[in-house]
Amino acid sequence: MNETDPDLELLARVGNNEPEAVKEMVSRKLPRLLALASRLLGDAEEARDVAQESFLRLWKHAAGWRTGQARFDTWLHRIVLNLCYDRLRSRKGMPLLEDDFLAEVPDSAPLPEEQLQTQAQHAQMAAALAALPDRQREAIVLQYYQELPNTEAAALMQISVEALESLLSRGRRNLRTYLAESDLAPQQRKASPGRGKP
C-alpha cells in the first residue's frame, strides 16, 4: 500500500477490526516492544504492562491513523518510550532489577560453566545499562538492541542525529568505565589486606 511504511495496510485492517489483522499486528510488534521496554525498565512484568498499554493505544488510534507525520512503527516505539519514562520517573531512586535480564539468557548452553559465564556477562551488562543516565541508556538500547538506524532513533528521541551520536558516545564511554571498574572490583577485594581476618 505504501512503500515508505510497511505497516499501513495491516494498520488499516486493524482499524477495520479484522481479528486476523490484530493477531498479525501483535505477532509482528510485540517481541520488539517487549525487548525495548524490558531493556529500559529492567522488569519483565512492567515491560508486559507497557506493551499492553501500547497496544490499547494502537487499537484506539488505528482507525483514524493519518500518514505523513511519522511512520507507524516510529509512533509505536515513541508510545513505548513515553510509557517507560513515566514508570522510570515514578520510581526514581529504585534500582533496576537484574533478574529480568537474566531471564533472556537461553538455558540450552552445552556446558554449565559456559552458561554461568554467559549469565554473569548478561548480569554485568544489565547492571552497566541500569547505571547509565536515562537518555544514554535509551540511545544505546535503540541503536544496539532495537537495531534502529541513527535517523530513526534520533526521531524517536526527538533529538538531532548529532545529539544522538553524542549520547551514544557518552553512553559507550560510561559503559566501558563501568565494566572496567566492575572487572577490577573482585581483584581489588582479593588483594585488599586484612579482609576476612577477625
Protein backbone atom coordinates (compact mmCIF):
# COMPACT_ATOMS: atom_id res chain seq x y z
CA MET A 1 0.00 0.00 0.00
CA ASN A 2 2.81 2.42 0.91
CA GLU A 3 6.46 1.66 0.23
CA THR A 4 7.72 4.01 2.95
CA ASP A 5 5.57 2.50 5.70
CA PRO A 6 5.16 -1.28 5.51
CA ASP A 7 2.61 -1.32 8.35
CA LEU A 8 -0.09 0.85 6.75
CA GLU A 9 -2.06 -1.92 5.07
CA LEU A 10 -2.08 -4.03 8.23
CA LEU A 11 -2.94 -0.98 10.32
CA ALA A 12 -5.95 -0.25 8.09
CA ARG A 13 -7.14 -3.83 8.58
CA VAL A 14 -6.70 -3.47 12.35
CA GLY A 15 -8.76 -0.26 12.14
CA ASN A 16 -11.49 -2.31 10.46
CA ASN A 17 -11.46 -4.70 13.44
CA GLU A 18 -10.27 -7.72 11.46
CA PRO A 19 -9.33 -10.39 14.05
CA GLU A 20 -6.57 -11.88 11.88
CA ALA A 21 -5.03 -8.44 11.39
CA VAL A 22 -4.99 -7.87 15.15
CA LYS A 23 -3.22 -11.22 15.68
CA GLU A 24 -0.71 -10.42 12.94
CA MET A 25 -0.02 -6.96 14.40
CA VAL A 26 0.62 -8.43 17.83
CA SER A 27 2.94 -11.13 16.49
CA ARG A 28 4.78 -8.55 14.34
CA LYS A 29 5.27 -5.86 17.00
CA LEU A 30 5.11 -7.47 20.45
CA PRO A 31 8.61 -9.04 20.60
CA ARG A 32 10.41 -5.77 19.80
CA LEU A 33 8.19 -3.70 22.09
CA LEU A 34 8.75 -6.12 24.96
CA ALA A 35 12.50 -6.13 24.33
CA LEU A 36 12.62 -2.33 24.30
CA ALA A 37 10.57 -1.95 27.49
CA SER A 38 12.49 -4.74 29.26
CA ARG A 39 15.85 -3.17 28.48
CA LEU A 40 14.75 0.28 29.60
CA LEU A 41 12.84 -0.79 32.70
CA GLY A 42 14.76 -3.90 33.75
CA ASP A 43 11.50 -5.55 34.83
CA ALA A 44 9.68 -8.13 32.69
CA GLU A 45 6.32 -7.62 34.41
CA GLU A 46 6.43 -3.86 33.92
CA ALA A 47 7.53 -4.40 30.31
CA ARG A 48 4.43 -6.55 29.69
CA ASP A 49 2.24 -3.83 31.23
CA VAL A 50 3.84 -1.21 28.96
CA ALA A 51 3.35 -3.41 25.88
CA GLN A 52 -0.29 -3.98 26.79
CA GLU A 53 -0.91 -0.26 27.26
CA SER A 54 0.84 0.42 23.93
CA PHE A 55 -1.44 -1.99 22.12
CA LEU A 56 -4.50 -0.44 23.74
CA ARG A 57 -3.41 2.92 22.33
CA LEU A 58 -2.74 1.29 18.96
CA TRP A 59 -6.30 -0.13 18.83
CA LYS A 60 -7.73 3.24 19.83
CA HIS A 61 -5.89 5.15 17.07
CA ALA A 62 -5.75 2.54 14.27
CA ALA A 63 -8.97 3.56 12.53
CA GLY A 64 -8.03 7.25 12.46
CA TRP A 65 -4.35 6.88 11.57
CA ARG A 66 -3.16 9.51 9.10
CA THR A 67 0.01 9.06 7.11
CA GLY A 68 2.59 11.74 6.55
CA GLN A 69 3.68 12.80 10.03
CA ALA A 70 5.61 9.71 11.16
CA ARG A 71 5.98 6.08 10.29
CA PHE A 72 3.61 3.92 12.29
CA ASP A 73 6.48 1.89 13.80
CA THR A 74 8.18 5.10 14.93
CA TRP A 75 4.96 6.30 16.57
CA LEU A 76 4.51 2.95 18.35
CA HIS A 77 8.09 2.96 19.64
CA ARG A 78 7.54 6.53 20.88
CA ILE A 79 4.48 5.35 22.83
CA VAL A 80 6.58 2.62 24.49
CA LEU A 81 9.36 5.08 25.30
CA ASN A 82 6.92 7.57 26.85
CA LEU A 83 5.28 4.87 28.97
CA CYS A 84 8.71 3.67 30.11
CA TYR A 85 9.73 7.24 31.02
CA ASP A 86 6.55 7.62 33.07
CA ARG A 87 7.39 4.48 35.02
CA LEU A 88 11.05 5.43 35.46
CA ARG A 89 10.07 8.87 36.76
CA SER A 90 7.65 7.34 39.24
CA ARG A 91 10.30 5.06 40.70
CA LYS A 92 13.34 7.37 40.65
CA GLY A 93 15.92 6.15 43.09
CA MET A 94 14.85 2.50 42.86
CA PRO A 95 17.49 0.21 41.29
CA LEU A 96 16.68 -1.62 38.08
CA LEU A 97 16.25 -5.36 38.55
CA GLU A 98 18.86 -7.62 37.03
CA ASP A 99 16.89 -10.88 37.28
CA ASP A 100 14.70 -9.97 34.31
CA PHE A 101 17.76 -9.50 32.10
CA LEU A 102 18.97 -12.95 33.12
CA ALA A 103 15.64 -14.44 32.06
CA GLU A 104 16.58 -13.63 28.45
CA VAL A 105 19.64 -15.91 28.60
CA PRO A 106 18.87 -19.21 26.88
CA ASP A 107 19.25 -22.22 29.14
CA SER A 108 20.47 -24.58 26.41
CA ALA A 109 24.21 -23.89 26.79
CA PRO A 110 26.24 -27.08 26.27
CA LEU A 111 28.30 -26.75 29.47
CA PRO A 112 27.21 -25.36 32.83
CA GLU A 113 30.40 -23.29 33.11
CA GLU A 114 29.67 -21.57 29.80
CA GLN A 115 26.10 -20.92 30.88
CA LEU A 116 27.24 -19.38 34.17
CA GLN A 117 29.75 -17.20 32.33
CA THR A 118 27.08 -16.05 29.87
CA GLN A 119 24.67 -15.26 32.71
CA ALA A 120 27.37 -13.33 34.52
CA GLN A 121 28.11 -11.30 31.37
CA HIS A 122 24.40 -10.56 30.86
CA ALA A 123 24.05 -9.54 34.52
CA GLN A 124 27.11 -7.33 34.26
CA MET A 125 25.79 -5.65 31.11
CA ALA A 126 22.33 -5.25 32.69
CA ALA A 127 23.90 -3.52 35.69
CA ALA A 128 26.01 -1.34 33.40
CA LEU A 129 22.94 -0.32 31.37
CA ALA A 130 21.00 0.37 34.57
CA ALA A 131 23.81 2.66 35.78
CA LEU A 132 23.59 4.87 32.67
CA PRO A 133 21.59 8.09 32.68
CA ASP A 134 18.14 7.50 31.14
CA ARG A 135 18.81 9.23 27.81
CA GLN A 136 22.14 7.45 27.27
CA ARG A 137 20.51 4.10 28.07
CA GLU A 138 17.69 4.87 25.65
CA ALA A 139 20.12 5.74 22.85
CA ILE A 140 22.16 2.56 23.42
CA VAL A 141 19.05 0.35 23.56
CA LEU A 142 17.52 1.86 20.42
CA GLN A 143 20.69 1.50 18.37
CA TYR A 144 22.22 -1.74 19.62
CA TYR A 145 19.28 -3.78 20.89
CA GLN A 146 16.45 -2.46 18.70
CA GLU A 147 18.89 -2.06 15.78
CA LEU A 148 17.34 1.20 14.62
CA PRO A 149 19.29 3.44 12.23
CA ASN A 150 20.54 6.71 13.73
CA THR A 151 17.96 8.81 11.90
CA GLU A 152 15.06 6.72 13.22
CA ALA A 153 16.45 6.53 16.77
CA ALA A 154 17.01 10.30 16.78
CA ALA A 155 13.45 10.89 15.56
CA LEU A 156 12.10 8.64 18.31
CA MET A 157 14.08 10.51 20.93
CA GLN A 158 13.05 13.82 19.36
CA ILE A 159 16.66 14.99 19.03
CA SER A 160 19.07 15.59 16.16
CA VAL A 161 21.30 12.84 14.80
CA GLU A 162 24.30 14.75 16.17
CA ALA A 163 22.76 14.80 19.66
CA LEU A 164 22.06 11.06 19.37
CA GLU A 165 25.65 10.38 18.36
CA SER A 166 26.84 12.41 21.34
CA LEU A 167 24.60 10.40 23.69
CA LEU A 168 25.87 7.15 22.13
CA SER A 169 29.47 8.25 22.54
CA ARG A 170 28.99 9.20 26.19
CA GLY A 171 26.94 6.05 26.82
CA ARG A 172 29.59 3.76 25.34
CA ARG A 173 32.30 5.54 27.33
CA ASN A 174 30.28 5.18 30.55
CA LEU A 175 29.60 1.50 29.81
CA ARG A 176 33.32 0.86 29.26
CA THR A 177 34.18 2.64 32.50
CA TYR A 178 31.52 0.78 34.48
CA LEU A 179 32.52 -2.60 33.03
CA ALA A 180 36.24 -1.94 33.64
CA GLU A 181 35.54 -0.93 37.25
CA SER A 182 33.31 -3.95 37.85
CA ASP A 183 36.08 -6.20 36.47
CA LEU A 184 38.58 -4.59 38.86
CA ALA A 185 36.33 -4.82 41.93
CA PRO A 186 36.72 -8.59 42.53
CA GLN A 187 40.51 -8.32 42.03
CA GLN A 188 40.71 -5.42 44.50
CA ARG A 189 38.69 -7.38 47.06
CA LYS A 190 41.13 -10.31 46.76
CA ALA A 191 44.18 -8.07 47.02
CA SER A 192 42.88 -5.97 49.90
CA PRO A 193 44.93 -6.67 53.07
CA GLY A 194 43.17 -7.72 56.25
CA ARG A 195 39.99 -8.96 54.54
CA GLY A 196 38.42 -11.95 56.22
CA LYS A 197 40.54 -11.60 59.36
CA PRO A 198 38.81 -11.39 62.75
